[in-house]
Amino acid sequence: MFLRTRSLLGRLPRALAVAAAALALITTSGAAVPSPARAAAPDVEVTKDLAYAPAQPPGTQGHLLDLYVPRSERAVPLVIFTSGSGWLADSGRSGADKVAAQLNPHGYAVAGVAIRSSGQARFPAQLYDIKGAIRWLRANATTYNLDPNRVAIMGDSSGGWTTAMAAVTGDIPALEGDVGPRGPSSAVQAAIPFYPPTDFLQMDAHMPDNCREFNSAFGLTNCHSDARSPESRLLGCTITACPGTVAAANPLTYIGGRHTPPFLILHGEQDSIVPYHQSAILYDRLAASGDDARLLSFPKAGHGTDFAMLSDDATREGAYEQTAQGGRTTPPRPVTPTWQTVIAFLDQSTAAKSR
């Protein structure tokens, strides 16, 4: 959900430190947000600290985005990236530079988007934030040479949840919120969630090792159903005590009966934070609804391995893919995913899209 971890406990890297720092930030006003700054590169224009809405609370980072736009005479397609933190930090821009380094050379702009933490606002604020950012990027597409008709979204863990929620709720009036400009569409043309939470109440039954590693890492006793779990903090209630609120926050709730953009889902079967089952049920629901979806499964991968899934041989050993299109599914087949897999998916999903 969570933290961008390579593993847990003594092996937890910077993500827990980021989340801990964020918890301190939640209770303080923090330093003033810097003005937007542009940094020129030979082939990419970088613009940081763009506010897609006023800071809330003042001085925080949750309504900021960074843009990495390859220079082009034509408007370029956009990939929105938001990273995970278990909703404990407003650090969603972290890692966007690495995504941009892979996608900019292929003609894609990247926006690293932060949303508010669970300590700054409760759900559905985080959904309203990402939708506000999408609308802001479309409203300012001409300024930054972006193609407003070719917008995809990508994220890992809680950022994967944000990705999935944005993709399945595009342009639903009751879920647009009041963040950022109104008018432009909040829909996206493609979604790439890495190990996303998709049904909070189904998580505990599929956690490995009776949830020991997860409980230890977060200081909990009752896994995701703990009153102090990341999901419970997000919703402001223990998830087992507020099923209606949980349903509203589950991406699965919104699939079926309306258009859903193509999904490319990636998940490790050794994930001890967000169980692999969460992506399996997302894929199954999309397939059953006749939507286009691809599920890349990694038998050796754990949590926090998003970029390694596309580059590291040990992480992607034994990887396999299942696909669903128009109600038809294919059996699993071996694959070796790379960034080119992502680029090909984006090319196909966003090509010649018009609104």
Protein backbone atom coordinates (compact mmCIF):
# COMPACT_ATOMS: atom_id res chain seq x y z
CA MET A 1 0.00 0.00 0.00
CA PHE A 2 2.38 1.11 0.57
CA LEU A 3 5.68 2.00 0.96
CA ARG A 4 8.07 1.66 -1.94
CA THR A 5 9.88 -1.15 -0.16
CA ARG A 6 12.27 -3.71 -1.56
CA SER A 7 11.45 -5.83 1.50
CA LEU A 8 10.35 -5.22 5.06
CA LEU A 9 11.48 -4.87 8.67
CA GLY A 10 15.25 -4.45 8.88
CA ARG A 11 15.37 -4.20 5.10
CA LEU A 12 12.87 -1.36 4.81
CA PRO A 13 14.54 1.44 2.86
CA ARG A 14 13.78 5.09 2.49
CA ALA A 15 10.00 4.67 2.27
CA LEU A 16 9.40 4.24 5.99
CA ALA A 17 11.61 7.23 6.61
CA VAL A 18 9.59 9.20 4.06
CA ALA A 19 6.34 8.16 5.75
CA ALA A 20 7.69 8.99 9.20
CA ALA A 21 8.78 12.40 8.00
CA ALA A 22 5.37 12.87 6.44
CA LEU A 23 3.65 12.14 9.73
CA ALA A 24 5.67 14.96 11.24
CA LEU A 25 4.71 17.18 8.32
CA ILE A 26 1.04 16.45 8.91
CA THR A 27 1.19 18.14 12.29
CA THR A 28 3.30 21.13 11.22
CA SER A 29 2.87 23.75 8.57
CA GLY A 30 6.26 22.95 7.01
CA ALA A 31 8.38 25.19 4.86
CA ALA A 32 6.82 27.39 2.25
CA VAL A 33 6.19 25.70 -1.07
CA PRO A 34 8.69 26.98 -3.65
CA SER A 35 7.55 28.79 -6.76
CA PRO A 36 7.44 26.80 -9.99
CA ALA A 37 10.95 26.40 -11.38
CA ARG A 38 11.95 25.40 -14.89
CA ALA A 39 15.12 23.46 -15.65
CA ALA A 40 16.26 23.09 -19.21
CA ALA A 41 17.73 19.87 -20.59
CA PRO A 42 18.84 19.14 -24.14
CA ASP A 43 15.72 17.23 -25.11
CA VAL A 44 13.36 17.57 -22.13
CA GLU A 45 11.84 20.57 -20.41
CA VAL A 46 11.38 20.05 -16.68
CA THR A 47 8.97 22.21 -14.68
CA LYS A 48 8.66 21.49 -10.97
CA ASP A 49 6.41 22.56 -8.11
CA LEU A 50 3.37 23.37 -10.22
CA ALA A 51 0.29 23.82 -8.04
CA TYR A 52 -2.79 22.21 -9.57
CA ALA A 53 -4.81 23.50 -6.60
CA PRO A 54 -4.03 25.60 -3.51
CA ALA A 55 -2.05 23.77 -0.80
CA GLN A 56 -4.31 22.19 1.79
CA PRO A 57 -3.23 22.39 4.57
CA PRO A 58 -1.09 25.44 3.77
CA GLY A 59 2.58 24.68 3.21
CA THR A 60 2.08 21.02 2.30
CA GLN A 61 2.98 19.26 -0.96
CA GLY A 62 -0.16 17.29 -1.80
CA HIS A 63 -1.38 19.58 -4.57
CA LEU A 64 1.89 19.86 -6.47
CA LEU A 65 3.08 18.21 -9.66
CA ASP A 66 6.30 18.05 -11.67
CA LEU A 67 6.35 17.92 -15.47
CA TYR A 68 8.92 16.29 -17.75
CA VAL A 69 8.08 17.12 -21.36
CA PRO A 70 10.18 16.04 -24.36
CA ARG A 71 10.68 18.79 -26.85
CA SER A 72 8.48 18.28 -29.89
CA GLU A 73 6.81 20.33 -32.61
CA ARG A 74 3.65 18.33 -31.97
CA ALA A 75 1.70 17.98 -28.74
CA VAL A 76 2.89 14.88 -26.88
CA PRO A 77 0.91 12.21 -25.00
CA LEU A 78 1.07 12.30 -21.20
CA VAL A 79 1.64 9.66 -18.53
CA ILE A 80 0.68 10.69 -15.01
CA PHE A 81 2.74 8.95 -12.31
CA THR A 82 1.97 8.90 -8.59
CA SER A 83 3.99 6.82 -6.16
CA GLY A 84 2.84 4.90 -3.10
CA SER A 85 3.31 5.63 0.59
CA GLY A 86 0.42 3.79 2.22
CA TRP A 87 -1.36 7.15 1.97
CA LEU A 88 0.94 8.25 4.81
CA ALA A 89 2.84 10.85 2.80
CA ASP A 90 2.16 13.52 0.19
CA SER A 91 5.23 12.34 -1.73
CA GLY A 92 3.55 11.08 -4.90
CA ARG A 93 6.02 12.90 -7.14
CA SER A 94 8.86 10.68 -5.95
CA GLY A 95 10.19 8.45 -8.72
CA ALA A 96 8.61 10.39 -11.57
CA ASP A 97 12.06 11.37 -12.81
CA LYS A 98 12.92 7.68 -13.25
CA VAL A 99 9.72 7.08 -15.20
CA ALA A 100 10.43 10.14 -17.32
CA ALA A 101 13.94 8.89 -18.09
CA GLN A 102 12.36 5.79 -19.65
CA LEU A 103 9.36 7.37 -21.39
CA ASN A 104 10.59 10.80 -22.54
CA PRO A 105 12.85 9.33 -25.25
CA HIS A 106 9.78 7.61 -26.71
CA GLY A 107 7.81 10.84 -26.97
CA TYR A 108 5.80 10.68 -23.73
CA ALA A 109 5.58 13.50 -21.23
CA VAL A 110 5.46 12.48 -17.57
CA ALA A 111 3.72 14.31 -14.73
CA GLY A 112 4.70 13.31 -11.21
CA VAL A 113 1.60 14.07 -9.14
CA ALA A 114 1.28 14.30 -5.36
CA ILE A 115 -2.00 13.80 -3.56
CA ARG A 116 -2.81 14.51 0.09
CA SER A 117 -1.91 12.01 2.78
CA SER A 118 -4.45 10.32 5.03
CA GLY A 119 -3.23 12.57 7.86
CA GLN A 120 -4.10 15.65 5.84
CA ALA A 121 -7.48 14.54 4.48
CA ARG A 122 -9.71 11.47 4.45
CA PHE A 123 -11.04 9.62 1.41
CA PRO A 124 -12.48 10.65 -1.05
CA ALA A 125 -10.09 13.63 -0.94
CA GLN A 126 -7.31 11.58 -2.55
CA LEU A 127 -9.56 10.67 -5.49
CA TYR A 128 -10.62 14.29 -5.85
CA ASP A 129 -6.95 15.30 -5.87
CA ILE A 130 -5.89 13.03 -8.72
CA LYS A 131 -8.95 14.01 -10.74
CA GLY A 132 -8.19 17.67 -10.11
CA ALA A 133 -4.64 17.11 -11.35
CA ILE A 134 -5.87 15.36 -14.50
CA ARG A 135 -8.27 18.22 -15.26
CA TRP A 136 -5.54 20.81 -14.57
CA LEU A 137 -3.16 19.10 -16.95
CA ARG A 138 -5.81 19.09 -19.67
CA ALA A 139 -6.71 22.72 -18.99
CA ASN A 140 -3.03 23.65 -19.38
CA ALA A 141 -2.22 21.25 -22.21
CA THR A 142 -1.48 23.99 -24.73
CA THR A 143 0.91 25.77 -22.34
CA TYR A 144 3.00 22.62 -21.85
CA ASN A 145 2.57 21.09 -25.33
CA LEU A 146 0.54 18.12 -24.07
CA ASP A 147 -2.02 16.14 -26.07
CA PRO A 148 -5.20 16.27 -23.92
CA ASN A 149 -6.68 13.32 -25.81
CA ARG A 150 -3.87 10.92 -24.92
CA VAL A 151 -3.53 10.68 -21.15
CA ALA A 152 -2.51 7.57 -19.21
CA ILE A 153 -1.90 7.01 -15.50
CA MET A 154 0.60 4.83 -13.63
CA GLY A 155 1.42 4.20 -9.97
CA ASP A 156 2.58 1.63 -7.44
CA SER A 157 0.94 0.32 -4.26
CA SER A 158 -1.30 3.07 -2.85
CA GLY A 159 -0.32 4.91 -6.03
CA GLY A 160 -1.59 1.85 -7.89
CA TRP A 161 -4.87 2.25 -6.02
CA THR A 162 -4.95 5.90 -7.11
CA THR A 163 -4.27 4.78 -10.68
CA ALA A 164 -7.07 2.22 -10.65
CA MET A 165 -9.57 4.54 -8.96
CA ALA A 166 -8.92 7.33 -11.45
CA ALA A 167 -9.27 4.93 -14.37
CA VAL A 168 -12.58 3.37 -13.30
CA THR A 169 -14.29 6.60 -12.16
CA GLY A 170 -13.44 9.02 -14.97
CA ASP A 171 -16.10 11.69 -15.53
CA ILE A 172 -18.54 10.33 -12.92
CA PRO A 173 -20.14 13.63 -11.79
CA ALA A 174 -20.64 12.61 -8.17
CA LEU A 175 -16.96 11.71 -7.85
CA GLU A 176 -15.36 14.76 -9.46
CA GLY A 177 -14.89 16.70 -6.23
CA ASP A 178 -13.93 20.36 -5.93
CA VAL A 179 -10.12 20.27 -6.36
CA GLY A 180 -8.61 22.17 -9.27
CA PRO A 181 -10.37 23.44 -12.39
CA ARG A 182 -13.71 22.17 -13.56
CA GLY A 183 -14.69 21.58 -17.16
CA PRO A 184 -12.00 19.36 -18.69
CA SER A 185 -12.45 15.61 -18.56
CA SER A 186 -10.98 13.57 -15.69
CA ALA A 187 -10.97 10.36 -17.76
CA VAL A 188 -7.77 8.60 -18.80
CA GLN A 189 -7.11 6.44 -21.83
CA ALA A 190 -4.97 3.77 -20.14
CA ALA A 191 -3.98 2.60 -16.64
CA ILE A 192 -0.84 0.86 -15.37
CA PRO A 193 -1.19 -0.06 -11.69
CA PHE A 194 1.64 -1.91 -9.92
CA TYR A 195 0.37 -4.12 -7.05
CA PRO A 196 -2.74 -2.03 -6.29
CA PRO A 197 -5.15 -2.52 -3.37
CA THR A 198 -8.55 -3.11 -4.98
CA ASP A 199 -10.86 -4.58 -2.31
CA PHE A 200 -9.82 -3.75 1.24
CA LEU A 201 -12.02 -6.35 2.91
CA GLN A 202 -10.54 -9.21 0.88
CA MET A 203 -6.93 -8.47 1.78
CA ASP A 204 -6.46 -10.23 5.11
CA ALA A 205 -7.68 -13.63 3.90
CA HIS A 206 -4.87 -13.73 1.34
CA MET A 207 -1.95 -12.30 3.30
CA PRO A 208 1.10 -14.61 3.45
CA ASP A 209 2.44 -15.96 6.76
CA ASN A 210 -0.66 -14.96 8.69
CA CYS A 211 0.22 -11.29 8.15
CA ARG A 212 3.22 -11.44 10.51
CA GLU A 213 5.55 -9.41 8.31
CA PHE A 214 2.96 -6.74 7.58
CA ASN A 215 1.95 -6.42 11.24
CA SER A 216 5.55 -6.12 12.33
CA ALA A 217 6.40 -3.51 9.70
CA PHE A 218 3.47 -1.26 10.61
CA GLY A 219 3.30 -2.00 14.34
CA LEU A 220 -0.14 -3.59 14.08
CA THR A 221 -1.86 -6.65 15.53
CA ASN A 222 -4.85 -7.15 13.24
CA CYS A 223 -3.43 -6.84 9.72
CA HIS A 224 -5.35 -4.59 7.33
CA SER A 225 -8.39 -4.79 9.60
CA ASP A 226 -6.49 -3.04 12.38
CA ALA A 227 -7.88 0.37 13.31
CA ARG A 228 -4.39 1.78 12.68
CA SER A 229 -3.85 0.15 9.27
CA PRO A 230 -3.16 2.34 6.25
CA GLU A 231 -6.63 1.59 4.85
CA SER A 232 -8.39 2.41 8.11
CA ARG A 233 -6.43 5.66 8.35
CA LEU A 234 -7.37 6.53 4.79
CA LEU A 235 -11.08 6.04 5.47
CA GLY A 236 -11.17 7.36 9.04
CA CYS A 237 -12.77 4.15 10.30
CA THR A 238 -11.79 0.56 10.97
CA ILE A 239 -12.48 -1.09 7.63
CA THR A 240 -14.52 -3.94 9.12
CA ALA A 241 -16.82 -1.40 10.80
CA CYS A 242 -17.64 0.72 7.73
CA PRO A 243 -18.32 -1.56 4.75
CA GLY A 244 -20.17 1.15 2.83
CA THR A 245 -17.20 3.49 2.98
CA VAL A 246 -14.90 0.61 2.04
CA ALA A 247 -17.02 -0.17 -1.01
CA ALA A 248 -16.84 3.46 -2.12
CA ALA A 249 -13.02 3.27 -1.93
CA ASN A 250 -12.68 -0.05 -3.78
CA PRO A 251 -11.86 0.17 -7.51
CA LEU A 252 -13.77 -3.08 -8.09
CA THR A 253 -17.01 -1.30 -7.16
CA TYR A 254 -16.98 0.81 -10.32
CA ILE A 255 -16.21 -1.82 -12.95
CA GLY A 256 -19.05 -2.92 -15.23
CA GLY A 257 -21.83 -1.02 -16.91
CA ARG A 258 -19.63 1.79 -18.27
CA HIS A 259 -16.45 2.20 -20.29
CA THR A 260 -13.21 1.31 -18.55
CA PRO A 261 -9.88 2.08 -20.26
CA PRO A 262 -7.35 -0.71 -20.92
CA PHE A 263 -5.38 -1.91 -17.89
CA LEU A 264 -1.84 -3.26 -17.67
CA ILE A 265 -1.53 -4.72 -14.15
CA LEU A 266 1.74 -5.90 -12.57
CA HIS A 267 1.98 -7.79 -9.27
CA GLY A 268 4.46 -10.04 -7.46
CA GLU A 269 3.18 -13.27 -5.99
CA GLN A 270 5.46 -12.89 -2.94
CA ASP A 271 3.97 -9.53 -1.96
CA SER A 272 3.55 -9.40 1.84
CA ILE A 273 2.03 -5.90 1.90
CA VAL A 274 -0.64 -5.97 -0.80
CA PRO A 275 -1.46 -9.62 -1.53
CA TYR A 276 -1.26 -10.77 -5.14
CA HIS A 277 -4.94 -11.72 -4.95
CA GLN A 278 -5.83 -8.01 -5.14
CA SER A 279 -4.61 -7.78 -8.73
CA ALA A 280 -6.04 -11.17 -9.62
CA ILE A 281 -9.55 -10.07 -8.67
CA LEU A 282 -9.10 -6.77 -10.49
CA TYR A 283 -8.13 -8.62 -13.65
CA ASP A 284 -11.00 -11.09 -13.24
CA ARG A 285 -13.55 -8.31 -12.79
CA LEU A 286 -12.30 -6.44 -15.84
CA ALA A 287 -12.32 -9.64 -17.91
CA ALA A 288 -15.84 -10.54 -16.79
CA SER A 289 -17.04 -7.06 -17.76
CA GLY A 290 -15.61 -7.37 -21.27
CA ASP A 291 -12.95 -4.74 -20.66
CA ASP A 292 -9.40 -4.96 -21.99
CA ALA A 293 -6.83 -6.01 -19.39
CA ARG A 294 -3.40 -7.63 -19.11
CA LEU A 295 -2.08 -9.13 -15.89
CA LEU A 296 1.68 -9.63 -15.56
CA SER A 297 2.47 -11.95 -12.66
CA PHE A 298 5.90 -12.32 -11.03
CA PRO A 299 6.32 -15.52 -8.97
CA LYS A 300 9.57 -14.31 -7.35
CA ALA A 301 8.71 -10.63 -6.75
CA GLY A 302 7.66 -8.96 -3.53
CA HIS A 303 6.44 -5.46 -2.76
CA GLY A 304 8.24 -2.33 -3.90
CA THR A 305 9.76 -3.93 -6.98
CA ASP A 306 7.98 -1.89 -9.66
CA PHE A 307 10.97 -0.76 -11.71
CA ALA A 308 12.83 -4.03 -11.11
CA MET A 309 9.88 -5.84 -12.70
CA LEU A 310 10.88 -4.17 -15.96
CA SER A 311 14.65 -4.57 -15.77
CA ASP A 312 15.93 -7.11 -13.23
CA ASP A 313 16.20 -10.75 -14.32
CA ALA A 314 15.92 -12.17 -10.79
CA THR A 315 12.75 -10.17 -10.09
CA ARG A 316 11.02 -11.19 -13.31
CA GLU A 317 12.14 -14.83 -13.30
CA GLY A 318 9.18 -17.01 -14.24
CA ALA A 319 6.97 -14.04 -15.12
CA TYR A 320 3.83 -14.79 -17.09
CA GLU A 321 0.97 -12.90 -18.69
CA GLN A 322 -2.79 -13.32 -19.01
CA THR A 323 -4.91 -11.15 -21.28
CA ALA A 324 -8.58 -10.30 -21.64
CA GLN A 325 -10.15 -8.51 -24.57
CA GLY A 326 -13.79 -8.14 -25.44
CA GLY A 327 -14.83 -10.95 -23.11
CA ARG A 328 -12.20 -13.39 -24.37
CA THR A 329 -9.24 -14.45 -22.25
CA THR A 330 -5.96 -16.17 -23.02
CA PRO A 331 -4.19 -18.79 -20.89
CA PRO A 332 -1.00 -17.75 -19.07
CA ARG A 333 2.12 -17.53 -21.21
CA PRO A 334 5.75 -16.78 -20.24
CA VAL A 335 6.95 -13.21 -20.72
CA THR A 336 9.99 -11.08 -19.95
CA PRO A 337 8.55 -7.62 -19.27
CA THR A 338 10.62 -4.53 -20.04
CA TRP A 339 9.97 -0.83 -20.35
CA GLN A 340 9.26 -1.56 -24.00
CA THR A 341 6.26 -3.61 -22.78
CA VAL A 342 4.92 -0.48 -21.12
CA ILE A 343 5.66 1.71 -24.13
CA ALA A 344 3.96 -0.71 -26.55
CA PHE A 345 0.89 -0.82 -24.28
CA LEU A 346 0.77 2.98 -24.14
CA ASP A 347 1.21 3.28 -27.90
CA GLN A 348 -1.67 0.93 -28.55
CA SER A 349 -3.99 2.23 -25.84
CA THR A 350 -3.59 5.93 -26.47
CA ALA A 351 -3.18 5.97 -30.25
CA ALA A 352 -5.59 8.16 -32.14
CA LYS A 353 -7.79 8.68 -29.09
CA SER A 354 -10.14 11.60 -29.32
CA ARG A 355 -12.59 13.07 -26.90
